[in-house]
Structure formats: C-alpha cells, structure tokens
Amino acid sequence: MPKEKHLPGKLSYDKLFAAMSAKGIKKINLRNDYKIHPTTIQKITAGRTINTDNLIILCHALDCQPGDIMEYIPETAQNQDES
C-alpha cells in the first residue's frame, strides 16, 4: 500500500456540492452523464485530491471556474476547526 503524502492543507469541495444542488445535478449524474469514475466521486466526497482532467469535466458540467467548486484549506485552519 503506498504511503500517503503529508500535504500542507486540504481541498474542500463544499462549493461543488452547493453548485451541483443549485443546478439539479446529482452524484449519479457525474457518473452517468459526465463519465466520472465512481472512485473519483468517492475522492471528492472524502475531500481528497483528484486530477485536473476531472476538474475540467466538472467545470464544463457546471459552467464554472475551479475556484467556484473547490477551496484550499491550509493545515493551520484545519487544526483550528478541530479544536
């Protein structure tokens, strides 16, 4: 099993789910209509990294920019949220 990298923060996809809801797009639509692999959908749900090809597909589907669907949260902000 590959060792997981320690990154200085994480990505939040809360904006993605809000945009999907506003446009009536469900996770199943990402799989069926936009051919996003179920593993990628699981990664998004878990807040893990995904590749840029999938970001392009999501931006196309939602007619938006990457910053409209994800947010970088520095590690220090994560630690404060967990306190």
PDB file of N, CA and C in Angstrom:
ATOM      1  N   MET A   1       0.849  -1.179   0.000  1.00  0.00           N
ATOM      2  CA  MET A   1       0.000   0.000   0.000  1.00  0.00           C
ATOM      3  C   MET A   1       0.896   1.244   0.000  1.00  0.00           C
ATOM      4  N   PRO A   2       0.678   2.188  -0.926  1.00  0.00           N
ATOM      5  CA  PRO A   2       1.544   3.367  -0.997  1.00  0.00           C
ATOM      6  C   PRO A   2       1.364   4.260   0.225  1.00  0.00           C
ATOM      7  N   LYS A   3       2.483   4.864   0.632  1.00  0.00           N
ATOM      8  CA  LYS A   3       2.455   5.772   1.768  1.00  0.00           C
ATOM      9  C   LYS A   3       1.766   7.073   1.338  1.00  0.00           C
ATOM     10  N   GLU A   4       0.883   7.552   2.191  1.00  0.00           N
ATOM     11  CA  GLU A   4       0.143   8.774   1.883  1.00  0.00           C
ATOM     12  C   GLU A   4       1.036   9.986   2.116  1.00  0.00           C
ATOM     13  N   LYS A   5       0.989  10.948   1.179  1.00  0.00           N
ATOM     14  CA  LYS A   5       1.783  12.166   1.310  1.00  0.00           C
ATOM     15  C   LYS A   5       1.206  13.074   2.382  1.00  0.00           C
ATOM     16  N   HIS A   6       2.090  13.757   3.082  1.00  0.00           N
ATOM     17  CA  HIS A   6       1.626  14.786   4.012  1.00  0.00           C
ATOM     18  C   HIS A   6       1.577  16.097   3.229  1.00  0.00           C
ATOM     19  N   LEU A   7       0.414  16.658   3.125  1.00  0.00           N
ATOM     20  CA  LEU A   7       0.228  17.916   2.407  1.00  0.00           C
ATOM     21  C   LEU A   7      -0.031  19.037   3.410  1.00  0.00           C
ATOM     22  N   PRO A   8       0.298  20.281   3.055  1.00  0.00           N
ATOM     23  CA  PRO A   8       0.153  21.398   3.989  1.00  0.00           C
ATOM     24  C   PRO A   8      -1.279  21.917   4.119  1.00  0.00           C
ATOM     25  N   GLY A   9      -2.232  21.178   3.647  1.00  0.00           N
ATOM     26  CA  GLY A   9      -3.634  21.578   3.722  1.00  0.00           C
ATOM     27  C   GLY A   9      -4.481  20.564   2.984  1.00  0.00           C
ATOM     28  N   LYS A  10      -5.727  20.921   2.754  1.00  0.00           N
ATOM     29  CA  LYS A  10      -6.614  20.024   2.015  1.00  0.00           C
ATOM     30  C   LYS A  10      -7.549  20.841   1.141  1.00  0.00           C
ATOM     31  N   LEU A  11      -8.260  20.145   0.278  1.00  0.00           N
ATOM     32  CA  LEU A  11      -9.254  20.781  -0.559  1.00  0.00           C
ATOM     33  C   LEU A  11     -10.642  20.477  -0.016  1.00  0.00           C
ATOM     34  N   SER A  12     -11.483  21.468  -0.040  1.00  0.00           N
ATOM     35  CA  SER A  12     -12.885  21.280   0.318  1.00  0.00           C
ATOM     36  C   SER A  12     -13.700  21.415  -0.957  1.00  0.00           C
ATOM     37  N   TYR A  13     -14.605  20.483  -1.160  1.00  0.00           N
ATOM     38  CA  TYR A  13     -15.478  20.510  -2.327  1.00  0.00           C
ATOM     39  C   TYR A  13     -16.905  20.921  -1.950  1.00  0.00           C
ATOM     40  N   ASP A  14     -17.068  21.584  -0.803  1.00  0.00           N
ATOM     41  CA  ASP A  14     -18.399  22.028  -0.381  1.00  0.00           C
ATOM     42  C   ASP A  14     -19.057  22.918  -1.436  1.00  0.00           C
ATOM     43  N   LYS A  15     -18.250  23.761  -2.076  1.00  0.00           N
ATOM     44  CA  LYS A  15     -18.788  24.635  -3.125  1.00  0.00           C
ATOM     45  C   LYS A  15     -19.298  23.815  -4.308  1.00  0.00           C
ATOM     46  N   LEU A  16     -18.626  22.711  -4.604  1.00  0.00           N
ATOM     47  CA  LEU A  16     -19.052  21.839  -5.698  1.00  0.00           C
ATOM     48  C   LEU A  16     -20.438  21.290  -5.413  1.00  0.00           C
ATOM     49  N   PHE A  17     -20.633  20.776  -4.204  1.00  0.00           N
ATOM     50  CA  PHE A  17     -21.923  20.173  -3.877  1.00  0.00           C
ATOM     51  C   PHE A  17     -23.033  21.217  -3.866  1.00  0.00           C
ATOM     52  N   ALA A  18     -22.718  22.440  -3.458  1.00  0.00           N
ATOM     53  CA  ALA A  18     -23.711  23.517  -3.489  1.00  0.00           C
ATOM     54  C   ALA A  18     -24.064  23.865  -4.939  1.00  0.00           C
ATOM     55  N   ALA A  19     -23.051  23.933  -5.809  1.00  0.00           N
ATOM     56  CA  ALA A  19     -23.292  24.242  -7.223  1.00  0.00           C
ATOM     57  C   ALA A  19     -24.084  23.125  -7.895  1.00  0.00           C
ATOM     58  N   MET A  20     -23.756  21.886  -7.563  1.00  0.00           N
ATOM     59  CA  MET A  20     -24.499  20.751  -8.124  1.00  0.00           C
ATOM     60  C   MET A  20     -25.957  20.813  -7.702  1.00  0.00           C
ATOM     61  N   SER A  21     -26.191  21.089  -6.446  1.00  0.00           N
ATOM     62  CA  SER A  21     -27.555  21.176  -5.932  1.00  0.00           C
ATOM     63  C   SER A  21     -28.333  22.283  -6.640  1.00  0.00           C
ATOM     64  N   ALA A  22     -27.699  23.429  -6.822  1.00  0.00           N
ATOM     65  CA  ALA A  22     -28.352  24.564  -7.478  1.00  0.00           C
ATOM     66  C   ALA A  22     -28.725  24.247  -8.925  1.00  0.00           C
ATOM     67  N   LYS A  23     -27.936  23.377  -9.572  1.00  0.00           N
ATOM     68  CA  LYS A  23     -28.193  23.029 -10.977  1.00  0.00           C
ATOM     69  C   LYS A  23     -28.930  21.700 -11.129  1.00  0.00           C
ATOM     70  N   GLY A  24     -29.303  21.093 -10.012  1.00  0.00           N
ATOM     71  CA  GLY A  24     -30.048  19.834 -10.073  1.00  0.00           C
ATOM     72  C   GLY A  24     -29.222  18.653 -10.533  1.00  0.00           C
ATOM     73  N   ILE A  25     -27.908  18.710 -10.299  1.00  0.00           N
ATOM     74  CA  ILE A  25     -27.016  17.612 -10.697  1.00  0.00           C
ATOM     75  C   ILE A  25     -26.717  16.771  -9.464  1.00  0.00           C
ATOM     76  N   LYS A  26     -26.892  15.471  -9.595  1.00  0.00           N
ATOM     77  CA  LYS A  26     -26.616  14.535  -8.503  1.00  0.00           C
ATOM     78  C   LYS A  26     -25.328  13.764  -8.805  1.00  0.00           C
ATOM     79  N   LYS A  27     -24.795  13.099  -7.780  1.00  0.00           N
ATOM     80  CA  LYS A  27     -23.564  12.324  -7.973  1.00  0.00           C
ATOM     81  C   LYS A  27     -23.734  11.282  -9.065  1.00  0.00           C
ATOM     82  N   ILE A  28     -24.893  10.668  -9.154  1.00  0.00           N
ATOM     83  CA  ILE A  28     -25.122   9.662 -10.190  1.00  0.00           C
ATOM     84  C   ILE A  28     -25.025  10.278 -11.591  1.00  0.00           C
ATOM     85  N   ASN A  29     -25.387  11.563 -11.713  1.00  0.00           N
ATOM     86  CA  ASN A  29     -25.244  12.249 -12.995  1.00  0.00           C
ATOM     87  C   ASN A  29     -23.776  12.405 -13.370  1.00  0.00           C
ATOM     88  N   LEU A  30     -22.915  12.643 -12.377  1.00  0.00           N
ATOM     89  CA  LEU A  30     -21.481  12.763 -12.665  1.00  0.00           C
ATOM     90  C   LEU A  30     -20.976  11.478 -13.294  1.00  0.00           C
ATOM     91  N   ARG A  31     -21.457  10.360 -12.778  1.00  0.00           N
ATOM     92  CA  ARG A  31     -21.033   9.059 -13.310  1.00  0.00           C
ATOM     93  C   ARG A  31     -21.657   8.777 -14.673  1.00  0.00           C
ATOM     94  N   ASN A  32     -22.967   8.916 -14.765  1.00  0.00           N
ATOM     95  CA  ASN A  32     -23.662   8.505 -15.988  1.00  0.00           C
ATOM     96  C   ASN A  32     -23.544   9.510 -17.128  1.00  0.00           C
ATOM     97  N   ASP A  33     -23.675  10.795 -16.827  1.00  0.00           N
ATOM     98  CA  ASP A  33     -23.703  11.810 -17.885  1.00  0.00           C
ATOM     99  C   ASP A  33     -22.316  12.347 -18.236  1.00  0.00           C
ATOM    100  N   TYR A  34     -21.419  12.402 -17.242  1.00  0.00           N
ATOM    101  CA  TYR A  34     -20.108  13.018 -17.463  1.00  0.00           C
ATOM    102  C   TYR A  34     -18.962  12.027 -17.359  1.00  0.00           C
ATOM    103  N   LYS A  35     -19.295  10.753 -17.143  1.00  0.00           N
ATOM    104  CA  LYS A  35     -18.325   9.640 -17.143  1.00  0.00           C
ATOM    105  C   LYS A  35     -17.207   9.817 -16.121  1.00  0.00           C
ATOM    106  N   ILE A  36     -17.536  10.392 -14.971  1.00  0.00           N
ATOM    107  CA  ILE A  36     -16.569  10.488 -13.886  1.00  0.00           C
ATOM    108  C   ILE A  36     -16.619   9.172 -13.107  1.00  0.00           C
ATOM    109  N   HIS A  37     -15.474   8.553 -12.930  1.00  0.00           N
ATOM    110  CA  HIS A  37     -15.373   7.241 -12.304  1.00  0.00           C
ATOM    111  C   HIS A  37     -15.872   7.285 -10.854  1.00  0.00           C
ATOM    112  N   PRO A  38     -16.537   6.226 -10.405  1.00  0.00           N
ATOM    113  CA  PRO A  38     -17.032   6.189  -9.017  1.00  0.00           C
ATOM    114  C   PRO A  38     -15.943   6.429  -7.965  1.00  0.00           C
ATOM    115  N   THR A  39     -14.725   5.952  -8.224  1.00  0.00           N
ATOM    116  CA  THR A  39     -13.627   6.191  -7.287  1.00  0.00           C
ATOM    117  C   THR A  39     -13.328   7.676  -7.167  1.00  0.00           C
ATOM    118  N   THR A  40     -13.399   8.389  -8.271  1.00  0.00           N
ATOM    119  CA  THR A  40     -13.168   9.832  -8.256  1.00  0.00           C
ATOM    120  C   THR A  40     -14.266  10.530  -7.460  1.00  0.00           C
ATOM    121  N   ILE A  41     -15.483  10.084  -7.624  1.00  0.00           N
ATOM    122  CA  ILE A  41     -16.601  10.661  -6.867  1.00  0.00           C
ATOM    123  C   ILE A  41     -16.393  10.414  -5.368  1.00  0.00           C
ATOM    124  N   GLN A  42     -15.898   9.234  -5.012  1.00  0.00           N
ATOM    125  CA  GLN A  42     -15.597   8.938  -3.605  1.00  0.00           C
ATOM    126  C   GLN A  42     -14.493   9.857  -3.086  1.00  0.00           C
ATOM    127  N   LYS A  43     -13.476  10.104  -3.921  1.00  0.00           N
ATOM    128  CA  LYS A  43     -12.393  11.001  -3.517  1.00  0.00           C
ATOM    129  C   LYS A  43     -12.916  12.411  -3.268  1.00  0.00           C
ATOM    130  N   ILE A  44     -13.790  12.878  -4.146  1.00  0.00           N
ATOM    131  CA  ILE A  44     -14.374  14.210  -3.979  1.00  0.00           C
ATOM    132  C   ILE A  44     -15.156  14.270  -2.665  1.00  0.00           C
ATOM    133  N   THR A  45     -15.969  13.263  -2.426  1.00  0.00           N
ATOM    134  CA  THR A  45     -16.787  13.213  -1.213  1.00  0.00           C
ATOM    135  C   THR A  45     -15.905  13.212   0.040  1.00  0.00           C
ATOM    136  N   ALA A  46     -14.748  12.548  -0.043  1.00  0.00           N
ATOM    137  CA  ALA A  46     -13.825  12.455   1.098  1.00  0.00           C
ATOM    138  C   ALA A  46     -12.890  13.655   1.193  1.00  0.00           C
ATOM    139  N   GLY A  47     -12.949  14.571   0.224  1.00  0.00           N
ATOM    140  CA  GLY A  47     -12.076  15.741   0.251  1.00  0.00           C
ATOM    141  C   GLY A  47     -10.643  15.435  -0.140  1.00  0.00           C
ATOM    142  N   ARG A  48     -10.447  14.363  -0.910  1.00  0.00           N
ATOM    143  CA  ARG A  48      -9.107  14.001  -1.372  1.00  0.00           C
ATOM    144  C   ARG A  48      -8.838  14.655  -2.720  1.00  0.00           C
ATOM    145  N   THR A  49      -7.598  14.582  -3.173  1.00  0.00           N
ATOM    146  CA  THR A  49      -7.228  15.214  -4.433  1.00  0.00           C
ATOM    147  C   THR A  49      -7.745  14.406  -5.622  1.00  0.00           C
ATOM    148  N   ILE A  50      -8.053  15.125  -6.695  1.00  0.00           N
ATOM    149  CA  ILE A  50      -8.446  14.500  -7.963  1.00  0.00           C
ATOM    150  C   ILE A  50      -7.603  15.130  -9.058  1.00  0.00           C
ATOM    151  N   ASN A  51      -7.580  14.505 -10.222  1.00  0.00           N
ATOM    152  CA  ASN A  51      -6.731  15.040 -11.284  1.00  0.00           C
ATOM    153  C   ASN A  51      -7.411  16.198 -12.024  1.00  0.00           C
ATOM    154  N   THR A  52      -6.609  16.941 -12.749  1.00  0.00           N
ATOM    155  CA  THR A  52      -7.119  18.133 -13.429  1.00  0.00           C
ATOM    156  C   THR A  52      -8.100  17.797 -14.547  1.00  0.00           C
ATOM    157  N   ASP A  53      -7.981  16.627 -15.150  1.00  0.00           N
ATOM    158  CA  ASP A  53      -8.950  16.238 -16.181  1.00  0.00           C
ATOM    159  C   ASP A  53     -10.364  16.228 -15.593  1.00  0.00           C
ATOM    160  N   ASN A  54     -10.483  15.695 -14.378  1.00  0.00           N
ATOM    161  CA  ASN A  54     -11.793  15.659 -13.733  1.00  0.00           C
ATOM    162  C   ASN A  54     -12.271  17.054 -13.345  1.00  0.00           C
ATOM    163  N   LEU A  55     -11.350  17.920 -12.950  1.00  0.00           N
ATOM    164  CA  LEU A  55     -11.731  19.310 -12.665  1.00  0.00           C
ATOM    165  C   LEU A  55     -12.282  19.993 -13.914  1.00  0.00           C
ATOM    166  N   ILE A  56     -11.655  19.723 -15.042  1.00  0.00           N
ATOM    167  CA  ILE A  56     -12.124  20.295 -16.311  1.00  0.00           C
ATOM    168  C   ILE A  56     -13.535  19.804 -16.623  1.00  0.00           C
ATOM    169  N   ILE A  57     -13.770  18.511 -16.433  1.00  0.00           N
ATOM    170  CA  ILE A  57     -15.099  17.950 -16.695  1.00  0.00           C
ATOM    171  C   ILE A  57     -16.132  18.583 -15.764  1.00  0.00           C
ATOM    172  N   LEU A  58     -15.793  18.717 -14.482  1.00  0.00           N
ATOM    173  CA  LEU A  58     -16.722  19.325 -13.524  1.00  0.00           C
ATOM    174  C   LEU A  58     -17.011  20.781 -13.883  1.00  0.00           C
ATOM    175  N   CYS A  59     -15.976  21.534 -14.251  1.00  0.00           N
ATOM    176  CA  CYS A  59     -16.176  22.935 -14.634  1.00  0.00           C
ATOM    177  C   CYS A  59     -17.043  23.042 -15.884  1.00  0.00           C
ATOM    178  N   HIS A  60     -16.848  22.133 -16.815  1.00  0.00           N
ATOM    179  CA  HIS A  60     -17.679  22.121 -18.020  1.00  0.00           C
ATOM    180  C   HIS A  60     -19.139  21.817 -17.660  1.00  0.00           C
ATOM    181  N   ALA A  61     -19.325  20.811 -16.815  1.00  0.00           N
ATOM    182  CA  ALA A  61     -20.685  20.394 -16.445  1.00  0.00           C
ATOM    183  C   ALA A  61     -21.436  21.504 -15.722  1.00  0.00           C
ATOM    184  N   LEU A  62     -20.717  22.269 -14.911  1.00  0.00           N
ATOM    185  CA  LEU A  62     -21.354  23.299 -14.091  1.00  0.00           C
ATOM    186  C   LEU A  62     -21.182  24.712 -14.654  1.00  0.00           C
ATOM    187  N   ASP A  63     -20.470  24.811 -15.793  1.00  0.00           N
ATOM    188  CA  ASP A  63     -20.209  26.106 -16.426  1.00  0.00           C
ATOM    189  C   ASP A  63     -19.612  27.080 -15.400  1.00  0.00           C
ATOM    190  N   CYS A  64     -18.457  26.672 -14.842  1.00  0.00           N
ATOM    191  CA  CYS A  64     -17.842  27.468 -13.786  1.00  0.00           C
ATOM    192  C   CYS A  64     -16.322  27.395 -13.864  1.00  0.00           C
ATOM    193  N   GLN A  65     -15.657  28.046 -12.940  1.00  0.00           N
ATOM    194  CA  GLN A  65     -14.208  28.026 -12.798  1.00  0.00           C
ATOM    195  C   GLN A  65     -13.833  27.142 -11.602  1.00  0.00           C
ATOM    196  N   PRO A  66     -12.592  26.622 -11.542  1.00  0.00           N
ATOM    197  CA  PRO A  66     -12.197  25.752 -10.433  1.00  0.00           C
ATOM    198  C   PRO A  66     -12.448  26.356  -9.044  1.00  0.00           C
ATOM    199  N   GLY A  67     -12.210  27.628  -8.881  1.00  0.00           N
ATOM    200  CA  GLY A  67     -12.435  28.268  -7.588  1.00  0.00           C
ATOM    201  C   GLY A  67     -13.895  28.314  -7.183  1.00  0.00           C
ATOM    202  N   ASP A  68     -14.779  28.090  -8.141  1.00  0.00           N
ATOM    203  CA  ASP A  68     -16.216  28.062  -7.843  1.00  0.00           C
ATOM    204  C   ASP A  68     -16.648  26.731  -7.224  1.00  0.00           C
ATOM    205  N   ILE A  69     -15.789  25.699  -7.357  1.00  0.00           N
ATOM    206  CA  ILE A  69     -16.197  24.371  -6.886  1.00  0.00           C
ATOM    207  C   ILE A  69     -15.281  23.768  -5.832  1.00  0.00           C
ATOM    208  N   MET A  70     -14.170  24.432  -5.551  1.00  0.00           N
ATOM    209  CA  MET A  70     -13.280  23.910  -4.516  1.00  0.00           C
ATOM    210  C   MET A  70     -12.580  25.050  -3.806  1.00  0.00           C
ATOM    211  N   GLU A  71     -12.089  24.733  -2.614  1.00  0.00           N
ATOM    212  CA  GLU A  71     -11.415  25.726  -1.791  1.00  0.00           C
ATOM    213  C   GLU A  71     -10.245  25.060  -1.085  1.00  0.00           C
ATOM    214  N   TYR A  72      -9.112  25.745  -1.061  1.00  0.00           N
ATOM    215  CA  TYR A  72      -7.940  25.250  -0.348  1.00  0.00           C
ATOM    216  C   TYR A  72      -8.049  25.674   1.111  1.00  0.00           C
ATOM    217  N   ILE A  73      -7.865  24.712   2.014  1.00  0.00           N
ATOM    218  CA  ILE A  73      -7.906  24.993   3.444  1.00  0.00           C
ATOM    219  C   ILE A  73      -6.532  24.651   4.018  1.00  0.00           C
ATOM    220  N   PRO A  74      -5.770  25.681   4.430  1.00  0.00           N
ATOM    221  CA  PRO A  74      -4.436  25.416   4.983  1.00  0.00           C
ATOM    222  C   PRO A  74      -4.517  24.559   6.243  1.00  0.00           C
ATOM    223  N   GLU A  75      -3.446  23.837   6.508  1.00  0.00           N
ATOM    224  CA  GLU A  75      -3.400  22.944   7.656  1.00  0.00           C
ATOM    225  C   GLU A  75      -3.686  23.695   8.961  1.00  0.00           C
ATOM    226  N   THR A  76      -3.206  24.920   9.111  1.00  0.00           N
ATOM    227  CA  THR A  76      -3.452  25.671  10.339  1.00  0.00           C
ATOM    228  C   THR A  76      -4.940  25.933  10.542  1.00  0.00           C
ATOM    229  N   ALA A  77      -5.667  26.180   9.467  1.00  0.00           N
ATOM    230  CA  ALA A  77      -7.118  26.391   9.567  1.00  0.00           C
ATOM    231  C   ALA A  77      -7.815  25.078   9.948  1.00  0.00           C
ATOM    232  N   GLN A  78      -7.323  23.956   9.418  1.00  0.00           N
ATOM    233  CA  GLN A  78      -7.886  22.657   9.760  1.00  0.00           C
ATOM    234  C   GLN A  78      -7.724  22.387  11.243  1.00  0.00           C
ATOM    235  N   ASN A  79      -6.533  22.668  11.770  1.00  0.00           N
ATOM    236  CA  ASN A  79      -6.267  22.424  13.188  1.00  0.00           C
ATOM    237  C   ASN A  79      -7.164  23.276  14.077  1.00  0.00           C
ATOM    238  N   GLN A  80      -7.425  24.514  13.672  1.00  0.00           N
ATOM    239  CA  GLN A  80      -8.306  25.390  14.450  1.00  0.00           C
ATOM    240  C   GLN A  80      -9.728  24.858  14.432  1.00  0.00           C
ATOM    241  N   ASP A  81     -10.176  24.341  13.292  1.00  0.00           N
ATOM    242  CA  ASP A  81     -11.540  23.786  13.182  1.00  0.00           C
ATOM    243  C   ASP A  81     -11.702  22.550  14.065  1.00  0.00           C
ATOM    244  N   GLU A  82     -10.625  21.790  14.249  1.00  0.00           N
ATOM    245  CA  GLU A  82     -10.695  20.565  15.026  1.00  0.00           C
ATOM    246  C   GLU A  82     -10.611  20.823  16.524  1.00  0.00           C
ATOM    247  N   SER A  83     -10.222  22.034  16.933  1.00  0.00           N
ATOM    248  CA  SER A  83     -10.088  22.349  18.373  1.00  0.00           C
ATOM    249  C   SER A  83     -11.428  22.513  19.037  1.00  0.00           C
TER     250      SER A  83
END
